[in-house]
């Protein structure tokens, strides 16, 4: 797989296989829609600093509408407010080179005496909005030093509505449904996932995409280890609203996918899952023996 000037670009072929067989933070959602969004996923190694990481990105980066970085792609040490401000400034430079919006992974930020896992959404003009990891991981011990979040990011890019769920928040269907019912057409997932969970993570993305009639795109880190010895070996992907999956392997690189709005419209016309969820009746339990 080539990096550098010949970096890998993988365009999703939306073949419509099924058709052949038969509190949310928001910004700039009301923009004239376009049919295709170019989404860029960065599958990065873990850098020692954002300065090093941004230099790598600027060497690799194609033009696109949205760039998604992995969780903890520049390490797990918490930033203070000033360092976070400089980080956002660096991402604004990346956004200008991209010609779009950067989802700045998810980074630990100390605020008001507690640490939150923050997902900044950055344009060339600076911070547009941000989300937080609602449920820090219990399995990895993250919950011992990162506090629960309370805000999800939902933002507009190229006339599309994009929501963000950080890493294990994708495992909570209520959060994905909240974004979808609030208008999200794409859910991005900056994540750090061990190699033994790659198959699970891809399956999870397919399910979340299908049940919410959205695209789900995960940007995963690669080439580093967890404290318990497990390895992170990439596995970034895009899952379509109609059950298709494109995976991007293990190598570091930036990967592009053209998302087709008609895929979202078709899924919503055909299945009506979100209409049903929005009009959910009161459901009672008939119980026996419990």
Protein backbone atom coordinates (compact mmCIF):
# COMPACT_ATOMS: atom_id res chain seq x y z
CA UNK A 1 0.00 0.00 0.00
CA UNK A 2 1.44 3.33 -1.06
CA UNK A 3 1.76 6.33 1.23
CA UNK A 4 2.99 9.86 0.57
CA UNK A 5 2.08 11.38 -2.81
CA UNK A 6 0.42 8.13 -3.91
CA UNK A 7 -1.56 7.71 -0.72
CA UNK A 8 -4.40 5.19 -0.88
CA UNK A 9 -7.75 6.53 -1.99
CA UNK A 10 -10.63 4.08 -1.81
CA UNK A 11 -13.90 5.24 -3.38
CA UNK A 12 -16.91 3.31 -2.21
CA UNK A 13 -18.89 1.74 -5.03
CA UNK A 14 -22.50 2.12 -3.93
CA UNK A 15 -23.85 -0.77 -5.98
CA UNK A 16 -27.23 -0.81 -4.23
CA UNK A 17 -27.17 -4.60 -3.90
CA UNK A 18 -30.44 -4.69 -1.99
CA UNK A 19 -32.22 -2.74 -4.69
CA UNK A 20 -31.17 -5.28 -7.28
CA UNK A 21 -32.82 -7.95 -5.09
CA UNK A 22 -35.94 -6.23 -4.77
CA UNK A 23 -28.34 17.54 24.26
CA UNK A 24 -26.99 17.92 21.00
CA UNK A 25 -24.54 20.66 19.96
CA UNK A 26 -25.27 21.79 16.40
CA UNK A 27 -23.72 24.12 13.86
CA UNK A 28 -24.43 25.09 10.23
CA UNK A 29 -26.99 22.38 9.52
CA UNK A 30 -29.09 24.40 7.10
CA UNK A 31 -26.88 24.60 4.02
CA UNK A 32 -27.92 23.78 0.46
CA UNK A 33 -27.45 20.00 0.25
CA UNK A 34 -25.16 18.30 -2.25
CA UNK A 35 -25.49 14.74 -3.47
CA UNK A 36 -21.98 13.52 -2.67
CA UNK A 37 -19.71 14.09 0.32
CA UNK A 38 -16.01 13.23 0.16
CA UNK A 39 -15.15 11.79 3.56
CA UNK A 40 -11.50 11.29 4.56
CA UNK A 41 -10.52 8.84 7.30
CA UNK A 42 -7.02 9.16 8.78
CA UNK A 43 -5.70 5.84 10.07
CA UNK A 44 -2.70 7.13 11.99
CA UNK A 45 0.03 5.81 14.21
CA UNK A 46 0.07 7.32 17.69
CA UNK A 47 2.17 10.49 17.55
CA UNK A 48 4.13 12.03 20.40
CA UNK A 49 2.54 15.46 19.87
CA UNK A 50 -0.03 17.21 17.75
CA UNK A 51 2.80 19.13 16.03
CA UNK A 52 4.24 15.85 14.76
CA UNK A 53 0.80 14.55 13.84
CA UNK A 54 -0.22 17.66 11.93
CA UNK A 55 3.00 17.59 9.90
CA UNK A 56 2.20 13.99 8.92
CA UNK A 57 -1.35 14.92 7.95
CA UNK A 58 -0.30 17.86 5.81
CA UNK A 59 2.03 15.57 3.84
CA UNK A 60 -0.69 12.97 3.26
CA UNK A 61 -3.89 14.97 2.94
CA UNK A 62 -6.12 15.08 -0.16
CA UNK A 63 -8.95 17.57 -0.52
CA UNK A 64 -12.27 16.59 0.99
CA UNK A 65 -15.35 17.74 2.88
CA UNK A 66 -14.76 16.05 6.26
CA UNK A 67 -11.61 14.55 7.78
CA UNK A 68 -11.92 12.23 10.79
CA UNK A 69 -8.97 11.50 13.09
CA UNK A 70 -8.76 8.57 15.56
CA UNK A 71 -9.26 8.74 19.30
CA UNK A 72 -6.09 9.49 21.31
CA UNK A 73 -4.07 9.79 18.08
CA UNK A 74 -1.61 12.11 19.85
CA UNK A 75 -1.51 10.20 23.13
CA UNK A 76 -3.61 10.04 26.27
CA UNK A 77 -2.00 12.76 28.43
CA UNK A 78 -4.64 15.41 29.28
CA UNK A 79 -4.29 18.86 27.73
CA UNK A 80 -4.90 22.04 29.66
CA UNK A 81 -6.99 24.85 28.18
CA UNK A 82 -4.08 26.64 26.55
CA UNK A 83 -2.70 23.49 24.93
CA UNK A 84 -6.18 22.61 23.65
CA UNK A 85 -6.45 26.10 22.13
CA UNK A 86 -3.14 25.57 20.29
CA UNK A 87 -4.31 22.13 19.18
CA UNK A 88 -7.45 23.66 17.65
CA UNK A 89 -5.32 26.29 15.89
CA UNK A 90 -3.20 23.51 14.37
CA UNK A 91 -6.33 21.66 13.22
CA UNK A 92 -7.60 24.87 11.61
CA UNK A 93 -4.48 24.78 9.43
CA UNK A 94 -5.35 21.21 8.47
CA UNK A 95 -8.95 22.24 7.71
CA UNK A 96 -7.70 24.98 5.38
CA UNK A 97 -5.51 22.47 3.52
CA UNK A 98 -8.38 20.00 3.36
CA UNK A 99 -10.91 22.56 2.17
CA UNK A 100 -13.42 21.22 4.67
CA UNK A 101 -14.08 20.36 8.31
CA UNK A 102 -11.82 18.36 10.64
CA UNK A 103 -13.17 16.07 13.35
CA UNK A 104 -10.12 16.28 15.59
CA UNK A 105 -10.25 12.74 16.93
CA UNK A 106 -10.91 12.60 20.65
CA UNK A 107 -8.44 14.02 23.14
CA UNK A 108 -8.29 14.24 26.90
CA UNK A 109 -8.81 17.81 28.15
CA UNK A 110 -8.74 18.98 31.75
CA UNK A 111 -11.59 21.40 32.41
CA UNK A 112 -12.87 22.65 35.75
CA UNK A 113 -10.93 20.11 37.77
CA UNK A 114 -12.00 17.07 35.77
CA UNK A 115 -10.85 15.40 32.58
CA UNK A 116 -13.23 14.98 29.65
CA UNK A 117 -12.69 13.16 26.37
CA UNK A 118 -13.40 15.92 23.84
CA UNK A 119 -14.14 15.60 20.12
CA UNK A 120 -13.44 19.04 18.57
CA UNK A 121 -15.00 19.96 15.23
CA UNK A 122 -12.76 22.51 13.50
CA UNK A 123 -12.97 24.61 10.35
CA UNK A 124 -10.40 26.96 8.90
CA UNK A 125 -11.88 29.68 11.11
CA UNK A 126 -11.36 27.66 14.30
CA UNK A 127 -13.53 25.64 16.68
CA UNK A 128 -17.06 25.17 15.30
CA UNK A 129 -18.51 22.91 17.99
CA UNK A 130 -17.47 19.93 20.07
CA UNK A 131 -18.78 16.71 21.54
CA UNK A 132 -17.80 14.62 24.53
CA UNK A 133 -17.41 10.90 25.15
CA UNK A 134 -20.54 10.10 27.10
CA UNK A 135 -19.37 6.77 28.53
CA UNK A 136 -15.59 6.41 29.08
CA UNK A 137 -14.48 2.80 28.80
CA UNK A 138 -14.73 0.69 31.94
CA UNK A 139 -12.88 -2.23 30.33
CA UNK A 140 -9.68 -0.24 29.69
CA UNK A 141 -9.76 1.69 32.98
CA UNK A 142 -10.45 4.99 31.22
CA UNK A 143 -13.45 5.53 33.47
CA UNK A 144 -11.06 5.85 36.39
CA UNK A 145 -9.59 9.13 35.12
CA UNK A 146 -12.03 10.47 32.49
CA UNK A 147 -15.41 11.82 33.58
CA UNK A 148 -18.65 11.15 31.75
CA UNK A 149 -19.60 13.60 29.06
CA UNK A 150 -22.98 15.18 28.41
CA UNK A 151 -22.84 16.66 24.89
CA UNK A 152 -22.87 15.15 21.41
CA UNK A 153 -21.66 17.09 18.37
CA UNK A 154 -23.90 17.48 15.33
CA UNK A 155 -22.63 19.74 12.57
CA UNK A 156 -23.11 20.68 8.95
CA UNK A 157 -20.52 20.02 6.24
CA UNK A 158 -21.03 20.25 2.47
CA UNK A 159 -24.76 20.45 3.13
CA UNK A 160 -24.79 17.16 5.06
CA UNK A 161 -25.57 16.66 8.75
CA UNK A 162 -22.81 14.80 10.58
CA UNK A 163 -22.83 13.50 14.15
CA UNK A 164 -19.94 12.19 16.24
CA UNK A 165 -19.79 9.29 18.69
CA UNK A 166 -16.43 8.68 20.35
CA UNK A 167 -15.16 5.08 20.46
CA UNK A 168 -17.31 2.91 22.79
CA UNK A 169 -20.23 5.36 22.63
CA UNK A 170 -21.02 3.56 19.36
CA UNK A 171 -21.97 0.54 21.50
CA UNK A 172 -24.91 2.47 22.98
CA UNK A 173 -27.73 2.38 20.40
CA UNK A 174 -29.60 5.15 22.20
CA UNK A 175 -26.85 7.63 21.35
CA UNK A 176 -26.75 6.80 17.66
CA UNK A 177 -30.55 6.97 17.50
CA UNK A 178 -30.49 10.39 19.21
CA UNK A 179 -28.19 11.73 16.50
CA UNK A 180 -30.20 10.14 13.69
CA UNK A 181 -33.50 11.51 15.00
CA UNK A 182 -31.83 14.93 15.27
CA UNK A 183 -31.00 14.85 11.56
CA UNK A 184 -27.62 13.11 11.24
CA UNK A 185 -27.01 11.46 7.87
CA UNK A 186 -23.47 10.39 8.77
CA UNK A 187 -22.14 9.28 12.17
CA UNK A 188 -18.37 9.41 12.52
CA UNK A 189 -16.57 7.37 15.16
CA UNK A 190 -13.07 8.43 16.22
CA UNK A 191 -11.90 5.30 18.02
CA UNK A 192 -9.04 3.25 19.43
CA UNK A 193 -9.81 -0.44 19.09
CA UNK A 194 -7.61 -3.47 19.74
CA UNK A 195 -6.94 -5.86 16.87
CA UNK A 196 -8.97 -8.65 18.51
CA UNK A 197 -12.07 -6.40 18.34
CA UNK A 198 -11.76 -5.28 14.72
CA UNK A 199 -14.37 -7.71 13.43
CA UNK A 200 -16.76 -6.76 16.18
CA UNK A 201 -16.27 -3.05 15.46
CA UNK A 202 -16.98 -3.46 11.76
CA UNK A 203 -20.13 -5.48 12.49
CA UNK A 204 -21.24 -2.84 14.96
CA UNK A 205 -20.88 -0.13 12.32
CA UNK A 206 -22.94 -2.09 9.81
CA UNK A 207 -25.74 -2.55 12.36
CA UNK A 208 -25.77 1.09 13.51
CA UNK A 209 -25.78 2.29 9.91
CA UNK A 210 -28.61 -0.02 8.86
CA UNK A 211 -30.88 0.50 11.86
CA UNK A 212 -30.56 4.31 11.66
CA UNK A 213 -30.43 4.73 7.86
CA UNK A 214 -27.12 6.61 8.11
CA UNK A 215 -23.53 6.14 7.07
CA UNK A 216 -21.18 5.13 9.90
CA UNK A 217 -17.48 5.87 9.43
CA UNK A 218 -14.85 4.80 11.96
CA UNK A 219 -11.31 6.24 12.06
CA UNK A 220 -9.05 3.90 14.05
CA UNK A 221 -5.44 4.21 15.12
CA UNK A 222 -2.82 1.66 14.14
CA UNK A 223 0.61 0.35 15.09
CA UNK A 224 0.68 0.84 18.86
CA UNK A 225 0.00 -1.22 21.97
CA UNK A 226 -2.29 -1.10 24.97
CA UNK A 227 -0.89 -1.37 28.49
CA UNK A 228 -2.24 -4.94 28.69
CA UNK A 229 -0.21 -5.99 25.64
CA UNK A 230 -2.96 -5.95 23.02
CA UNK A 231 -2.20 -4.22 19.72
CA UNK A 232 -4.15 -1.59 17.80
CA UNK A 233 -3.91 -2.49 14.12
CA UNK A 234 -6.27 -0.19 12.23
CA UNK A 235 -9.55 -1.46 10.85
CA UNK A 236 -11.06 1.89 9.79
CA UNK A 237 -14.20 1.50 7.68
CA UNK A 238 -17.30 3.02 6.15
CA UNK A 239 -20.65 1.25 6.52
CA UNK A 240 -23.52 2.34 4.29
CA UNK A 241 -27.21 2.73 5.20
CA UNK A 242 -27.96 -0.30 3.01
CA UNK A 243 -25.66 -2.90 4.53
CA UNK A 244 -22.41 -2.52 2.58
CA UNK A 245 -19.01 -2.29 4.26
CA UNK A 246 -15.66 -0.99 3.01
CA UNK A 247 -12.66 -1.64 5.26
CA UNK A 248 -9.24 -0.02 4.99
CA UNK A 249 -6.86 -2.61 6.40
CA UNK A 250 -4.04 -2.03 8.88
CA UNK A 251 -1.58 0.33 7.20
CA UNK A 252 -1.25 4.00 8.20
CA UNK A 253 -2.68 6.34 5.61
CA UNK A 254 -5.55 8.59 4.63
CA UNK A 255 -8.50 6.96 2.90
CA UNK A 256 -11.25 8.68 0.92
CA UNK A 257 -14.84 7.59 0.35
CA UNK A 258 -17.52 9.36 -1.67
CA UNK A 259 -20.83 9.13 0.20
CA UNK A 260 -24.00 9.24 -1.87
CA UNK A 261 -27.02 10.98 -0.31
CA UNK A 262 -29.37 8.84 -2.37
CA UNK A 263 -28.25 5.85 -0.29
CA UNK A 264 -29.64 7.59 2.80
CA UNK A 265 -32.85 8.64 1.05
CA UNK A 266 -33.44 5.14 -0.31
CA UNK A 267 -32.92 3.51 3.09
CA UNK A 268 -35.34 5.91 4.76
CA UNK A 269 -38.01 5.53 2.09
CA UNK A 270 -37.81 1.75 2.13
CA UNK A 271 -37.58 0.91 5.83
CA UNK A 272 -39.04 3.85 7.80
CA UNK A 273 -37.08 2.93 10.95
CA UNK A 274 -36.63 6.54 12.03
CA UNK A 275 -40.29 7.35 11.41
CA UNK A 276 -41.23 4.43 13.62
CA UNK A 277 -38.75 5.45 16.32
CA UNK A 278 -40.04 9.02 16.32
CA UNK A 279 -43.62 7.80 16.85
CA UNK A 280 -42.89 4.96 19.27
CA UNK A 281 -46.08 3.97 21.12
CA UNK A 282 -46.12 3.19 24.81
CA UNK A 283 -45.07 -0.44 25.06
CA UNK A 284 -46.16 -2.61 27.99
CA UNK A 285 -44.63 -5.81 29.32
CA UNK A 286 -46.65 -8.98 29.80
CA UNK A 287 -44.64 -10.78 32.45
CA UNK A 288 -44.77 -14.23 33.97
CA UNK A 289 -42.69 -15.79 36.71
CA UNK A 290 -40.44 -12.80 37.40
